[in-house]
Structures are given as structure tokens and as C-alpha cells.
């Protein structure tokens, strides 16, 4: 189902955010209001992706590098071209689950032998878990976006051109250099939060290791137009 009003409202909100007429909080508020009143799955998908481009803790103007800016432009093109985005969900098993299970078992065994040494295996397991998380993230992205990122959620530049031919009123906003130079919060504050996050991860490592014993859940976006695939399977 295509809700043209909702799609137009999302595009208007995108333009307002990228043109500095809306702050992050106002942008998020508009997107939430649109999502609550539409059943257009593609509009909801785009809204879900747009929530990654604003911070929900500190209000700020748009802060995006060129790659992220262009991704938002393609999401707007999806809405204006009549394209629908469907999702395919599947699970991936690979050796990272075995490593996580082995590490979790080793922590339990060492703590069972001598509970007093628990910080050493637990913190070491945290380092292993962080490394596994980076590995699993690459596996996740390879399955979710197997095609060149510069075209996502389309499969190629030629399919973008086809969509632009259908979206007569599409206006690609030019990326402004000052947008990429903005900071949501001081770099020192970000490093402090990141250090605290990593320390907590290591201290509670059995929990993320247990989660990493499960398969990688992948949700892949598939763009289609009039029941015809615009997204070539890899």
C-alpha cells in the first residue's frame, strides 16, 4: 500500500532537517507522528532508517558526512519514485557462534575452579566478545547490503537512474561541507562514554557472549516497482 500523503510528509521533513529548518528533536517528532498514522510499509522503513541520522539525547542541527547525506537522498528518492521496499529476514550461522560458546564455557570452568580469579576470565572474555562483535557486524552488513553501499537500497546506479526518471519532482540536496564538520557533543565526552561502554561490556561479558551464541539476524531491504524487482539478488 502506497500512502502518498505520508511519503510527501516524510520528504518534507527530510528537506527541513537537511536545510537546517528542523532540529533533530523536531525532525524525530515529525517522523514519529507520520509513522503513527500510516500503514505504508516503505514509508515506515524509511522513517526507521532516518532515525539513525539524528541523536536522541542532544538536540542538534543535521550532522552528516557525504556518504550518509547521499544515503538519505536515495531514501527520499525511494519515496518520490513510487518504489516499494520489502524486507527479507534470515539467520546466518558461522564460526563466531562456536567461538562465543567456547569462550563462555571456559569462563564458567575457570570460575568453577577458583571463583576468586573471576575478573581475569570475565574481562578477557569481554575482549573476545568485542572482537566477535566487530566480526559479526561485517557479516551482518555483508548480508544486509551485499551490493555497493553507494546505491543502497537500490542495487546499482542504473536502477537509481530509472527511479529518478519516475520521480519528476525529485530534488537532490547538495551536501554542505559545514554539515560534516559539526559535532553533536565534544570529542572528549564521546571518548569517555565509549570507554565506559567498553568497560561495562567486559565486566558483563557472559551476557553478550551468550547472545553471540545465537545466529546473526539479517534483515535485507529489497526495492521493487510494480511487482518487478529493482534489486538484483547478489
Protein backbone atom coordinates (compact mmCIF):
# COMPACT_ATOMS: atom_id res chain seq x y z
CA UNK A 1 0.00 0.00 0.00
CA UNK A 2 1.35 3.42 -1.02
CA UNK A 3 0.39 6.38 1.16
CA UNK A 4 1.32 9.38 -0.98
CA UNK A 5 0.49 11.87 1.77
CA UNK A 6 2.73 10.13 4.29
CA UNK A 7 5.54 9.83 1.75
CA UNK A 8 5.28 13.52 0.87
CA UNK A 9 5.31 14.45 4.56
CA UNK A 10 8.46 12.37 5.16
CA UNK A 11 10.17 14.04 2.19
CA UNK A 12 9.19 17.46 3.53
CA UNK A 13 10.62 16.57 6.94
CA UNK A 14 13.86 15.38 5.30
CA UNK A 15 14.17 18.65 3.38
CA UNK A 16 13.54 20.64 6.55
CA UNK A 17 16.16 18.71 8.52
CA UNK A 18 18.83 18.87 5.82
CA UNK A 19 18.14 22.58 5.21
CA UNK A 20 18.56 23.36 8.95
CA UNK A 21 14.90 24.35 9.32
CA UNK A 22 14.33 21.44 11.73
CA UNK A 23 16.49 20.35 14.64
CA UNK A 24 16.97 16.68 15.48
CA UNK A 25 14.21 16.64 18.11
CA UNK A 26 11.69 18.37 15.82
CA UNK A 27 12.66 16.02 12.97
CA UNK A 28 12.18 12.96 15.19
CA UNK A 29 8.83 14.30 16.41
CA UNK A 30 7.55 14.75 12.86
CA UNK A 31 8.71 11.28 11.82
CA UNK A 32 7.04 9.69 14.85
CA UNK A 33 3.76 11.46 14.07
CA UNK A 34 3.84 10.27 10.44
CA UNK A 35 4.65 6.70 11.43
CA UNK A 36 1.75 6.58 13.88
CA UNK A 37 -0.81 7.40 11.19
CA UNK A 38 0.35 5.42 8.14
CA UNK A 39 0.32 1.79 7.09
CA UNK A 40 2.73 2.34 4.21
CA UNK A 41 5.47 -0.19 4.97
CA UNK A 42 8.00 1.59 2.74
CA UNK A 43 7.40 4.94 4.44
CA UNK A 44 7.84 3.23 7.81
CA UNK A 45 11.05 1.56 6.58
CA UNK A 46 12.48 4.93 5.50
CA UNK A 47 11.49 6.50 8.82
CA UNK A 48 13.26 3.67 10.63
CA UNK A 49 16.44 4.33 8.65
CA UNK A 50 16.22 8.08 9.23
CA UNK A 51 16.29 7.61 12.99
CA UNK A 52 19.97 6.68 12.59
CA UNK A 53 20.85 10.18 11.31
CA UNK A 54 19.89 12.11 14.45
CA UNK A 55 20.82 11.81 18.11
CA UNK A 56 18.01 11.25 20.62
CA UNK A 57 19.89 12.60 23.65
CA UNK A 58 21.11 16.02 22.45
CA UNK A 59 19.19 18.35 20.16
CA UNK A 60 21.28 19.48 17.20
CA UNK A 61 21.22 20.53 13.57
CA UNK A 62 22.00 17.98 10.87
CA UNK A 63 25.48 16.46 11.20
CA UNK A 64 26.25 14.05 8.33
CA UNK A 65 29.21 13.13 6.20
CA UNK A 66 28.86 12.99 2.41
CA UNK A 67 28.16 9.24 2.30
CA UNK A 68 25.36 9.42 4.88
CA UNK A 69 23.93 12.52 3.20
CA UNK A 70 23.74 10.71 -0.15
CA UNK A 71 22.10 7.71 1.53
CA UNK A 72 19.34 10.00 2.85
CA UNK A 73 18.89 11.38 -0.68
CA UNK A 74 18.37 7.86 -2.02
CA UNK A 75 15.83 7.13 0.71
CA UNK A 76 13.95 10.26 -0.36
CA UNK A 77 14.13 9.06 -3.96
CA UNK A 78 12.52 5.78 -2.89
CA UNK A 79 9.53 7.71 -1.56
CA UNK A 80 9.16 10.03 -4.54
CA UNK A 81 9.59 7.40 -7.24
CA UNK A 82 6.79 5.05 -6.17
CA UNK A 83 9.25 2.31 -5.29
CA UNK A 84 8.26 -0.08 -2.51
CA UNK A 85 10.79 -1.66 -0.16
CA UNK A 86 10.17 -5.14 1.20
CA UNK A 87 12.27 -6.89 3.79
CA UNK A 88 13.72 -10.39 3.78
CA UNK A 89 14.76 -11.84 7.14
CA UNK A 90 17.04 -14.79 7.67
CA UNK A 91 19.65 -16.11 10.08
CA UNK A 92 23.34 -16.86 9.49
CA UNK A 93 25.34 -19.47 11.40
CA UNK A 94 29.13 -19.37 11.25
CA UNK A 95 32.20 -19.99 13.38
CA UNK A 96 31.71 -16.92 15.61
CA UNK A 97 28.90 -18.74 17.47
CA UNK A 98 31.27 -21.64 18.23
CA UNK A 99 33.96 -19.26 19.50
CA UNK A 100 31.43 -17.46 21.73
CA UNK A 101 30.16 -20.74 23.18
CA UNK A 102 33.71 -21.99 23.79
CA UNK A 103 34.72 -18.76 25.50
CA UNK A 104 31.58 -18.78 27.66
CA UNK A 105 32.27 -22.38 28.70
CA UNK A 106 35.91 -21.50 29.52
CA UNK A 107 34.80 -18.61 31.75
CA UNK A 108 32.38 -20.89 33.58
CA UNK A 109 35.02 -23.62 34.01
CA UNK A 110 37.71 -21.24 35.32
CA UNK A 111 35.31 -19.59 37.75
CA UNK A 112 34.16 -23.01 38.93
CA UNK A 113 37.79 -24.00 39.69
CA UNK A 114 38.51 -20.79 41.62
CA UNK A 115 35.85 -18.12 41.94
CA UNK A 116 38.39 -15.61 43.28
CA UNK A 117 40.00 -15.23 39.85
CA UNK A 118 36.70 -14.34 38.14
CA UNK A 119 37.81 -10.87 36.97
CA UNK A 120 40.56 -12.29 34.76
CA UNK A 121 38.46 -14.71 32.66
CA UNK A 122 35.46 -12.37 32.62
CA UNK A 123 37.42 -9.34 31.40
CA UNK A 124 39.35 -11.46 28.89
CA UNK A 125 36.04 -12.84 27.65
CA UNK A 126 34.91 -9.26 27.20
CA UNK A 127 37.80 -8.55 24.85
CA UNK A 128 36.95 -11.68 22.87
CA UNK A 129 33.30 -10.62 22.76
CA UNK A 130 34.18 -7.16 21.43
CA UNK A 131 36.31 -8.71 18.68
CA UNK A 132 33.47 -11.09 17.82
CA UNK A 133 31.04 -8.16 17.69
CA UNK A 134 33.18 -6.43 15.06
CA UNK A 135 33.40 -9.64 13.06
CA UNK A 136 29.65 -10.26 13.29
CA UNK A 137 28.97 -6.68 12.26
CA UNK A 138 30.88 -7.25 9.00
CA UNK A 139 28.92 -10.46 8.41
CA UNK A 140 25.69 -8.59 9.13
CA UNK A 141 26.47 -5.75 6.73
CA UNK A 142 27.61 -8.14 4.01
CA UNK A 143 24.24 -9.89 4.18
CA UNK A 144 22.13 -6.79 4.64
CA UNK A 145 23.78 -4.66 1.96
CA UNK A 146 25.61 -7.03 -0.42
CA UNK A 147 25.59 -4.50 -3.25
CA UNK A 148 27.68 -1.32 -3.39
CA UNK A 149 26.72 0.93 -0.50
CA UNK A 150 26.64 3.92 -2.83
CA UNK A 151 23.47 2.53 -4.42
CA UNK A 152 21.60 1.16 -1.38
CA UNK A 153 18.67 0.42 -1.17
CA UNK A 154 18.88 0.16 -4.97
CA UNK A 155 21.16 -2.45 -6.47
CA UNK A 156 23.01 -0.26 -8.98
CA UNK A 157 23.37 3.31 -10.27
CA UNK A 158 21.31 2.39 -13.33
CA UNK A 159 18.37 1.49 -11.11
CA UNK A 160 18.75 4.82 -9.35
CA UNK A 161 18.54 6.49 -12.78
CA UNK A 162 15.35 4.57 -13.53
CA UNK A 163 13.83 5.69 -10.25
CA UNK A 164 14.83 9.31 -10.90
CA UNK A 165 13.05 9.09 -14.25
CA UNK A 166 9.86 8.18 -12.39
CA UNK A 167 10.27 10.87 -9.72
CA UNK A 168 9.81 14.02 -11.78
CA UNK A 169 9.89 16.38 -8.79
CA UNK A 170 12.93 14.86 -7.12
CA UNK A 171 15.44 17.44 -5.89
CA UNK A 172 18.80 16.19 -4.70
CA UNK A 173 20.09 18.48 -1.98
CA UNK A 174 23.74 19.43 -2.23
CA UNK A 175 25.92 18.36 0.67
CA UNK A 176 27.35 21.31 2.57
CA UNK A 177 30.86 20.98 3.96
CA UNK A 178 29.96 22.63 7.28
CA UNK A 179 27.41 19.87 7.95
CA UNK A 180 30.17 17.24 8.09
CA UNK A 181 32.28 19.44 10.39
CA UNK A 182 29.61 19.82 13.06
CA UNK A 183 29.86 17.92 16.34
CA UNK A 184 26.87 16.73 18.35
CA UNK A 185 28.94 16.64 21.54
CA UNK A 186 32.62 17.26 22.41
CA UNK A 187 35.00 14.53 21.25
CA UNK A 188 36.32 14.10 24.81
CA UNK A 189 32.80 13.38 26.06
CA UNK A 190 32.31 10.83 23.30
CA UNK A 191 35.56 9.05 24.21
CA UNK A 192 34.56 8.94 27.87
CA UNK A 193 31.18 7.40 27.03
CA UNK A 194 32.86 4.89 24.70
CA UNK A 195 35.41 3.85 27.36
CA UNK A 196 32.65 3.40 29.94
CA UNK A 197 30.64 1.34 27.44
CA UNK A 198 33.59 -0.96 26.68
CA UNK A 199 34.41 -1.39 30.37
CA UNK A 200 30.79 -2.32 31.14
CA UNK A 201 30.80 -4.73 28.19
CA UNK A 202 33.89 -6.51 29.52
CA UNK A 203 32.55 -6.62 33.08
CA UNK A 204 29.29 -8.22 31.90
CA UNK A 205 30.91 -10.30 29.15
CA UNK A 206 28.96 -13.54 29.82
CA UNK A 207 25.77 -11.77 28.73
CA UNK A 208 26.98 -10.56 25.29
CA UNK A 209 28.80 -13.89 24.78
CA UNK A 210 25.55 -15.73 25.43
CA UNK A 211 23.80 -13.50 22.86
CA UNK A 212 26.64 -14.16 20.40
CA UNK A 213 25.95 -17.89 20.60
CA UNK A 214 22.80 -17.14 18.61
CA UNK A 215 22.83 -16.74 14.81
CA UNK A 216 23.29 -13.34 13.17
CA UNK A 217 19.87 -11.94 12.34
CA UNK A 218 19.86 -10.21 8.97
CA UNK A 219 17.10 -8.03 7.54
CA UNK A 220 17.74 -7.23 3.89
CA UNK A 221 15.93 -4.43 2.09
CA UNK A 222 14.59 -5.30 -1.36
CA UNK A 223 13.34 -2.48 -3.58
CA UNK A 224 10.67 -3.28 -6.16
CA UNK A 225 8.49 -1.35 -8.58
CA UNK A 226 5.11 -2.61 -9.81
CA UNK A 227 5.93 -6.13 -8.62
CA UNK A 228 9.14 -6.08 -10.68
CA UNK A 229 12.42 -6.43 -8.83
CA UNK A 230 14.68 -3.40 -8.96
CA UNK A 231 17.06 -5.12 -6.62
CA UNK A 232 19.17 -7.86 -8.25
CA UNK A 233 19.98 -10.64 -5.81
CA UNK A 234 23.68 -11.00 -5.23
